Amino acid sequence: MLIGVVGKPSVGKSTFFKAATLAEVAIAPYPFTTIKPNEGVGFVRIEDAASFFGKVSNPRDGFVLGTNRFVPVQMLDVAGLVPGAHEGAGMGNQFLDDLRQADVLIHIIDIAGATNEKGECVSPGSYDPEKDLLFLEEELDYWYLRIMKKGWERFARQVQQERGSIVKELAKQLSALKVSVVMVEDVLKKLNLNLEQPISWADADLFGLAREFRKLTKPMIIACNKIDLPYGLENYDRLKQKYPHLMIVPCSAEAELALREAAKHGLITYVPGERTFSITSVGGAKLSDKQRHALDYIKTGILDVYGSGTGVQETINSAVFNLLKYVAIYPGGVNKLEDKFGNVLPDCFLMPPRTTALDFAFRLHTDFGNNFIRAIDVKTKRTVGKEHILNNGDVLEIVSGK
C-alpha cells in the first residue's frame, strides 16, 4: 500500500508528511520546497489484538503504545501541484508521474485560505479553499485522460479489427494506474459505451472513462490543514456542509509535528490520535516558558476544540480503513501467540476488503495456500473455511497439509 500526500505548494504537505513519519524533509513557506518526492513510513493506529488475551504484542514492524498498535504504511510526499499541471505547469508532469503507484491520496488544503492558487502566502481568508477541492480532481482527471489518449486511435482500431476484448485490453493498457478488468467492466457498463466499436467513442466518452478510473484507483481524503488559523473553522464548516459526500478532516500538521517531536525527546507523553498529552517529569524541568505556552495553545486551541485530535492520525486511518476499507489481520495460534523468540503476535498484515481465510493463507506463504485445510479464529476458537471473510482485528491460525 502506498499513500500519496498531495496538494498545492506551501499548504503544509511536507509538514504533514514529517509529522506522520518524523522523516527529515525540507519545510519552508514558499512554492516548490519539495522538488523530488520524499518517501517515508507512517503508521495506522489499531487496537492491539494482544490486549484481548491480556498480553502486549511485540511488533516486528511498527510499535505499541498502551493498548494501541501502530502498523507501518508507505507514504510519499510529492512536489506541489498548481493549475495546469497536466499540461506541464510547475512541477506538474513529475508530480503526476510520481503518483502512479499510489493507492490512496491525502489532499492537503490550506483551509484558512492563506495560500493562493500559485502556492504563495496571503492573508488568511483572502483565498477560497473550495477552489482547491475542484482543481486537484480536474488535474488528475486530465492526467488520466492524457495517458488514455496516447495512441488511442491506433489501439482502439486494432482491438476492433481483431475483435479483441476491449475490457481486457483496456485493463492491460492502464495496468500501471492499477485499473483492473472488473473496474473496466463496471465503468463501461455505467457509461453505456459500445464495446464492439471503441473507435467510435468521443472525447467526452474518454474523459468520462478517465474520471471514473481516477475515482476508483485514486480515492481521496481531504485534510483541512491550518484549521486553527482565522477563517479555518468557518471554511471547514462551509465545505463540510456543501460536500457531504467527501471525506473531510480538520487538521493541524504543525501541532502534530510539535507533539511528536516533544514526545520523541521525552518531554511529554503522547499517543498519536489522542486528544490529550501529559508533560513528563523530565519535560517539566526542561520546558521553556515559550514551549509551555506553545503546548498550552495546542491543548486549548486545537485538541480541546476539534474531535479528531490534531487530525493527522485520523486522516491516515480514514484513508486506509474508510476509503480503501482495508483490514488488519494477525497470524497466531490457539495454543501459542508467541513466535520461537517469545514475541507475542509479532506480525500484522493490512489486507484488502473481503479478504478470505485462503487469501490470508497465501499472503503468509504459497505453501499454506496451496495446502490449505482450514483456519481457526483464535479469539473465538471457531473453525472457519477458506471462503470465510475476515474482519478487522482478527487473529487467524492457518492449518495446512504442509
Foldseek 3Di string as FASTA:
>chain_A
DEEEEAAAAQLCSVLLVCLFFVDDADDDQAAFSDAAKDKGKGWAKDFQLVVLVVDGFAAPDFDDDDRITTHIDMYIYHHYDAFPLLVPPDPSVVRLVVCLPHQEYEYEFQLQQQAERNSHGHDGPPHQRVVRVPRVLVSQLVNLLVQCPVCPLVQQVVCLVVVHFPLVSVCVSSVSNVRHSVLSVVQCVVLVDDRNRPNPDDSVNSSSVSSSSCCNRYPYAYENEPCLDPSNVVSQVVCCVVCVVHHYWYAYSNLSSLVVVCVVVVQWADDPFALDIGGDPVNVVPDDPVSVVSVVCLNPRPSVPDPGRRRSNVSVNCRQCVVQVWAKEFEADLVGQADPVRGGRHDIDTGGFQQFQLNVLVVVPVQLNVFFDWKAFNSVRDIGHRNHGDHHSTYMYTDGPD
